[in-house]
C-alpha atoms as a PDB file:
ATOM      1  CA  UNK A   1     119.449 108.702  74.347  1.00  0.00           C
ATOM      2  CA  UNK A   2     116.316 106.995  75.031  1.00  0.00           C
ATOM      3  CA  UNK A   3     117.720 104.136  76.417  1.00  0.00           C
ATOM      4  CA  UNK A   4     119.007 106.735  79.159  1.00  0.00           C
ATOM      5  CA  UNK A   5     115.887 108.759  79.372  1.00  0.00           C
ATOM      6  CA  UNK A   6     114.323 105.013  80.524  1.00  0.00           C
ATOM      7  CA  UNK A   7     117.188 104.551  82.844  1.00  0.00           C
ATOM      8  CA  UNK A   8     116.302 107.676  84.640  1.00  0.00           C
ATOM      9  CA  UNK A   9     113.013 107.004  84.586  1.00  0.00           C
ATOM     10  CA  UNK A  10     113.815 103.909  86.404  1.00  0.00           C
ATOM     11  CA  UNK A  11     115.701 105.004  88.712  1.00  0.00           C
ATOM     12  CA  UNK A  12     113.310 107.907  89.488  1.00  0.00           C
ATOM     13  CA  UNK A  13     110.737 105.750  90.455  1.00  0.00           C
ATOM     14  CA  UNK A  14     113.084 103.289  92.336  1.00  0.00           C
ATOM     15  CA  UNK A  15     114.829 105.846  94.885  1.00  0.00           C
ATOM     16  CA  UNK A  16     110.981 107.600  94.997  1.00  0.00           C
ATOM     17  CA  UNK A  17     109.820 104.126  96.552  1.00  0.00           C
ATOM     18  CA  UNK A  18     112.662 103.865  98.715  1.00  0.00           C
ATOM     19  CA  UNK A  19     111.552 107.213 100.363  1.00  0.00           C
ATOM     20  CA  UNK A  20     108.119 105.746 101.186  1.00  0.00           C
ATOM     21  CA  UNK A  21     109.670 102.746 102.612  1.00  0.00           C
ATOM     22  CA  UNK A  22     112.268 105.167 104.732  1.00  0.00           C
ATOM     23  CA  UNK A  23     109.610 107.772 105.703  1.00  0.00           C
ATOM     24  CA  UNK A  24     108.146 104.642 107.754  1.00  0.00           C
ATOM     25  CA  UNK A  25     104.581 105.980 105.633  1.00  0.00           C
ATOM     26  CA  UNK A  26     101.740 103.573 106.172  1.00  0.00           C
ATOM     27  CA  UNK A  27      98.732 103.890 103.692  1.00  0.00           C
ATOM     28  CA  UNK A  28      95.250 101.901 104.009  1.00  0.00           C
ATOM     29  CA  UNK A  29      93.619  99.838 102.135  1.00  0.00           C
ATOM     30  CA  UNK A  30      90.179  99.368 102.564  1.00  0.00           C
ATOM     31  CA  UNK A  31      87.155  96.728  99.773  1.00  0.00           C
ATOM     32  CA  UNK A  32      84.757  95.499 101.070  1.00  0.00           C
ATOM     33  CA  UNK A  33      85.174  95.576 104.833  1.00  0.00           C
ATOM     34  CA  UNK A  34      88.664  94.592 104.740  1.00  0.00           C
ATOM     35  CA  UNK A  35      91.990  96.599 105.279  1.00  0.00           C
ATOM     36  CA  UNK A  36      95.449  96.622 105.257  1.00  0.00           C
ATOM     37  CA  UNK A  37      98.412  98.906 104.926  1.00  0.00           C
ATOM     38  CA  UNK A  38     101.212  99.221 102.504  1.00  0.00           C
ATOM     39  CA  UNK A  39     104.215 101.420 102.902  1.00  0.00           C
ATOM     40  CA  UNK A  40     103.466 103.015  98.768  1.00  0.00           C
ATOM     41  CA  UNK A  41      99.949 105.005  98.195  1.00  0.00           C
ATOM     42  CA  UNK A  42      97.975 102.890  95.726  1.00  0.00           C
ATOM     43  CA  UNK A  43      94.678 103.700  93.652  1.00  0.00           C
ATOM     44  CA  UNK A  44      91.017 103.434  94.985  1.00  0.00           C
ATOM     45  CA  UNK A  45      89.586  99.969  94.404  1.00  0.00           C
ATOM     46  CA  UNK A  46      88.472  99.994  90.832  1.00  0.00           C
ATOM     47  CA  UNK A  47      86.011  96.924  90.119  1.00  0.00           C
ATOM     48  CA  UNK A  48      87.180  94.197  87.397  1.00  0.00           C
ATOM     49  CA  UNK A  49      84.553  92.081  88.052  1.00  0.00           C
ATOM     50  CA  UNK A  50      81.627  89.977  90.264  1.00  0.00           C
ATOM     51  CA  UNK A  51      82.922  90.789  93.718  1.00  0.00           C
ATOM     52  CA  UNK A  52      86.460  91.368  92.624  1.00  0.00           C
ATOM     53  CA  UNK A  53      88.636  94.680  92.671  1.00  0.00           C
ATOM     54  CA  UNK A  54      92.008  95.690  91.895  1.00  0.00           C
ATOM     55  CA  UNK A  55      93.605  98.638  93.360  1.00  0.00           C
ATOM     56  CA  UNK A  56      97.146  99.965  91.605  1.00  0.00           C
ATOM     57  CA  UNK A  57     100.677 101.240  92.214  1.00  0.00           C
ATOM     58  CA  UNK A  58     101.784 103.534  91.692  1.00  0.00           C
ATOM     59  CA  UNK A  59      98.220 105.044  92.484  1.00  0.00           C
ATOM     60  CA  UNK A  60      97.825 107.370  89.441  1.00  0.00           C
ATOM     61  CA  UNK A  61      98.529 104.344  86.941  1.00  0.00           C
ATOM     62  CA  UNK A  62      96.566 103.050  84.416  1.00  0.00           C
ATOM     63  CA  UNK A  63      95.065  99.734  84.292  1.00  0.00           C
ATOM     64  CA  UNK A  64      98.287  97.958  82.262  1.00  0.00           C
ATOM     65  CA  UNK A  65     100.927 100.164  83.005  1.00  0.00           C
ATOM     66  CA  UNK A  66     101.245  99.921  87.017  1.00  0.00           C
ATOM     67  CA  UNK A  67     103.846  97.972  89.346  1.00  0.00           C
ATOM     68  CA  UNK A  68     102.407  96.354  90.660  1.00  0.00           C
ATOM     69  CA  UNK A  69      98.905  95.801  91.899  1.00  0.00           C
ATOM     70  CA  UNK A  70      96.392  93.544  94.855  1.00  0.00           C
ATOM     71  CA  UNK A  71      93.735  91.938  93.562  1.00  0.00           C
ATOM     72  CA  UNK A  72      90.943  91.379  95.985  1.00  0.00           C
ATOM     73  CA  UNK A  73      87.636  88.585  95.103  1.00  0.00           C
ATOM     74  CA  UNK A  74      85.640  87.937  97.502  1.00  0.00           C
ATOM     75  CA  UNK A  75      82.669  84.362  97.305  1.00  0.00           C
ATOM     76  CA  UNK A  76      79.774  85.212  99.269  1.00  0.00           C
ATOM     77  CA  UNK A  77      78.531  82.624 101.099  1.00  0.00           C
ATOM     78  CA  UNK A  78      75.782  82.033  98.648  1.00  0.00           C
ATOM     79  CA  UNK A  79      78.434  81.854  96.277  1.00  0.00           C
ATOM     80  CA  UNK A  80      80.238  79.053  98.069  1.00  0.00           C
ATOM     81  CA  UNK A  81      76.885  76.990  98.115  1.00  0.00           C
ATOM     82  CA  UNK A  82      75.877  77.727  94.933  1.00  0.00           C
ATOM     83  CA  UNK A  83      79.229  76.848  92.835  1.00  0.00           C
ATOM     84  CA  UNK A  84      79.986  73.650  94.895  1.00  0.00           C
ATOM     85  CA  UNK A  85      83.503  74.841  94.753  1.00  0.00           C
ATOM     86  CA  UNK A  86      85.833  73.858  97.359  1.00  0.00           C
ATOM     87  CA  UNK A  87      88.667  76.079  98.605  1.00  0.00           C
ATOM     88  CA  UNK A  88      91.282  74.793  96.247  1.00  0.00           C
ATOM     89  CA  UNK A  89      89.118  75.524  93.415  1.00  0.00           C
ATOM     90  CA  UNK A  90      88.109  79.293  94.520  1.00  0.00           C
ATOM     91  CA  UNK A  91      91.336  79.979  94.722  1.00  0.00           C
ATOM     92  CA  UNK A  92      92.278  78.531  91.451  1.00  0.00           C
ATOM     93  CA  UNK A  93      89.294  79.908  89.627  1.00  0.00           C
ATOM     94  CA  UNK A  94      90.633  83.789  91.126  1.00  0.00           C
ATOM     95  CA  UNK A  95      94.307  82.854  89.920  1.00  0.00           C
ATOM     96  CA  UNK A  96      93.064  82.197  86.249  1.00  0.00           C
ATOM     97  CA  UNK A  97      90.083  84.210  85.957  1.00  0.00           C
ATOM     98  CA  UNK A  98      91.745  87.583  87.715  1.00  0.00           C
ATOM     99  CA  UNK A  99      95.714  86.971  87.269  1.00  0.00           C
ATOM    100  CA  UNK A 100      96.359  84.510  84.138  1.00  0.00           C
ATOM    101  CA  UNK A 101      97.705  82.095  85.343  1.00  0.00           C
ATOM    102  CA  UNK A 102      96.114  78.418  84.252  1.00  0.00           C
ATOM    103  CA  UNK A 103      98.572  76.214  85.630  1.00  0.00           C
ATOM    104  CA  UNK A 104      98.986  75.162  88.820  1.00  0.00           C
ATOM    105  CA  UNK A 105     101.388  76.940  90.953  1.00  0.00           C
ATOM    106  CA  UNK A 106     105.584  75.624  90.828  1.00  0.00           C
ATOM    107  CA  UNK A 107     105.943  77.380  94.502  1.00  0.00           C
ATOM    108  CA  UNK A 108     103.893  78.134  97.771  1.00  0.00           C
ATOM    109  CA  UNK A 109     104.418  80.821 100.791  1.00  0.00           C
ATOM    110  CA  UNK A 110     103.164  81.266 104.212  1.00  0.00           C
ATOM    111  CA  UNK A 111     102.048  84.117 106.023  1.00  0.00           C
ATOM    112  CA  UNK A 112     100.438  85.481 107.901  1.00  0.00           C
ATOM    113  CA  UNK A 113      97.204  87.253 108.324  1.00  0.00           C
ATOM    114  CA  UNK A 114      95.435  88.436 110.839  1.00  0.00           C
ATOM    115  CA  UNK A 115      96.599  86.081 112.840  1.00  0.00           C
ATOM    116  CA  UNK A 116      96.460  82.967 110.746  1.00  0.00           C
ATOM    117  CA  UNK A 117      98.969  81.080 109.262  1.00  0.00           C
ATOM    118  CA  UNK A 118      97.484  80.164 105.342  1.00  0.00           C
ATOM    119  CA  UNK A 119      99.772  78.975 102.699  1.00  0.00           C
ATOM    120  CA  UNK A 120      99.449  80.974  99.431  1.00  0.00           C
ATOM    121  CA  UNK A 121     100.663  79.860  96.214  1.00  0.00           C
ATOM    122  CA  UNK A 122     103.917  81.796  94.024  1.00  0.00           C
ATOM    123  CA  UNK A 123     103.550  82.193  90.684  1.00  0.00           C
ATOM    124  CA  UNK A 124     105.588  83.861  86.858  1.00  0.00           C
ATOM    125  CA  UNK A 125     103.117  84.666  84.296  1.00  0.00           C
ATOM    126  CA  UNK A 126     103.419  86.126  81.557  1.00  0.00           C
ATOM    127  CA  UNK A 127      99.604  87.774  80.906  1.00  0.00           C
ATOM    128  CA  UNK A 128      99.646  90.470  79.698  1.00  0.00           C
ATOM    129  CA  UNK A 129     102.681  91.260  80.530  1.00  0.00           C
ATOM    130  CA  UNK A 130     105.986  89.642  82.888  1.00  0.00           C
ATOM    131  CA  UNK A 131     104.836  89.460  86.434  1.00  0.00           C
ATOM    132  CA  UNK A 132     105.552  87.611  89.914  1.00  0.00           C
ATOM    133  CA  UNK A 133     102.134  86.834  91.736  1.00  0.00           C
ATOM    134  CA  UNK A 134     101.426  85.762  95.080  1.00  0.00           C
ATOM    135  CA  UNK A 135      97.924  84.483  95.857  1.00  0.00           C
ATOM    136  CA  UNK A 136      96.017  83.611  99.007  1.00  0.00           C
ATOM    137  CA  UNK A 137      92.678  82.310  99.585  1.00  0.00           C
ATOM    138  CA  UNK A 138      91.407  83.837 103.358  1.00  0.00           C
ATOM    139  CA  UNK A 139      88.785  82.993 105.428  1.00  0.00           C
ATOM    140  CA  UNK A 140      86.721  85.823 106.277  1.00  0.00           C
ATOM    141  CA  UNK A 141      84.988  86.419 110.204  1.00  0.00           C
ATOM    142  CA  UNK A 142      81.238  86.481 108.313  1.00  0.00           C
ATOM    143  CA  UNK A 143      81.619  83.309 105.794  1.00  0.00           C
ATOM    144  CA  UNK A 144      83.267  84.451 103.323  1.00  0.00           C
ATOM    145  CA  UNK A 145      86.315  83.976 101.319  1.00  0.00           C
ATOM    146  CA  UNK A 146      88.754  86.029 100.236  1.00  0.00           C
ATOM    147  CA  UNK A 147      91.775  85.657  97.200  1.00  0.00           C
ATOM    148  CA  UNK A 148      93.704  87.924  97.904  1.00  0.00           C
ATOM    149  CA  UNK A 149      96.389  88.601  95.036  1.00  0.00           C
ATOM    150  CA  UNK A 150      99.196  90.685  95.140  1.00  0.00           C
ATOM    151  CA  UNK A 151     101.343  90.951  91.686  1.00  0.00           C
ATOM    152  CA  UNK A 152     104.170  92.912  90.501  1.00  0.00           C
ATOM    153  CA  UNK A 153     105.790  93.713  87.070  1.00  0.00           C
ATOM    154  CA  UNK A 154     108.421  91.785  86.221  1.00  0.00           C
ATOM    155  CA  UNK A 155     110.520  95.498  86.442  1.00  0.00           C
ATOM    156  CA  UNK A 156     109.953  96.257  89.773  1.00  0.00           C
ATOM    157  CA  UNK A 157     112.745  95.415  92.160  1.00  0.00           C
ATOM    158  CA  UNK A 158     111.498  92.501  94.054  1.00  0.00           C
ATOM    159  CA  UNK A 159     113.340  93.856  97.757  1.00  0.00           C
ATOM    160  CA  UNK A 160     109.996  96.893  97.187  1.00  0.00           C
ATOM    161  CA  UNK A 161     107.575  94.630  96.259  1.00  0.00           C
ATOM    162  CA  UNK A 162     108.431  91.730  99.469  1.00  0.00           C
ATOM    163  CA  UNK A 163     107.963  95.116 101.711  1.00  0.00           C
ATOM    164  CA  UNK A 164     104.627  96.289  99.815  1.00  0.00           C
ATOM    165  CA  UNK A 165     103.551  92.082 100.622  1.00  0.00           C
ATOM    166  CA  UNK A 166     104.729  92.056 103.714  1.00  0.00           C
ATOM    167  CA  UNK A 167     103.005  94.634 105.515  1.00  0.00           C
ATOM    168  CA  UNK A 168      99.984  93.871 103.979  1.00  0.00           C
ATOM    169  CA  UNK A 169      99.930  90.653 105.471  1.00  0.00           C
ATOM    170  CA  UNK A 170     100.469  91.939 108.499  1.00  0.00           C
ATOM    171  CA  UNK A 171      97.733  94.445 108.623  1.00  0.00           C
ATOM    172  CA  UNK A 172      95.646  92.603 107.590  1.00  0.00           C
ATOM    173  CA  UNK A 173      92.413  92.836 109.681  1.00  0.00           C
ATOM    174  CA  UNK A 174      88.109  93.036 109.437  1.00  0.00           C
ATOM    175  CA  UNK A 175      86.076  95.828 110.315  1.00  0.00           C
ATOM    176  CA  UNK A 176      83.878  94.395 113.028  1.00  0.00           C
END
């Protein structure tokens, strides 16, 4: 009986998610002067570290219970200068600290963000539970860098996860 309930819950979430996509809804996610749109509502951002923020789906999810997470890690010009990190080191710092990814990515993917082609990392992790991740390091107009990561639980529908990531990348913008 318990397995039937889990299957029913999974199907209910899947169909509800598909409803968001079919309706053509768009929900803004804004953090530290950058905005993106997603086809499903996310939680407001919460701080997860110095200049780092997380938004969860579904919107009411508690950390650890989310199906999908968008992580924003900002590197100020001062931080870049003081650490001496190059762009790869900044990206790797964000991947290991906030995504639990300590090994080099086995795959890469290029996406367009604000009209610029950005090559990112594609990974799988088991920390704290199995998930698929994509992460990108973006240069912002004010000189900051942004490590932007998308993490979908392994149980989440891959098409829905891809739709969320593609919508977020296509709509990415900086406030002027």
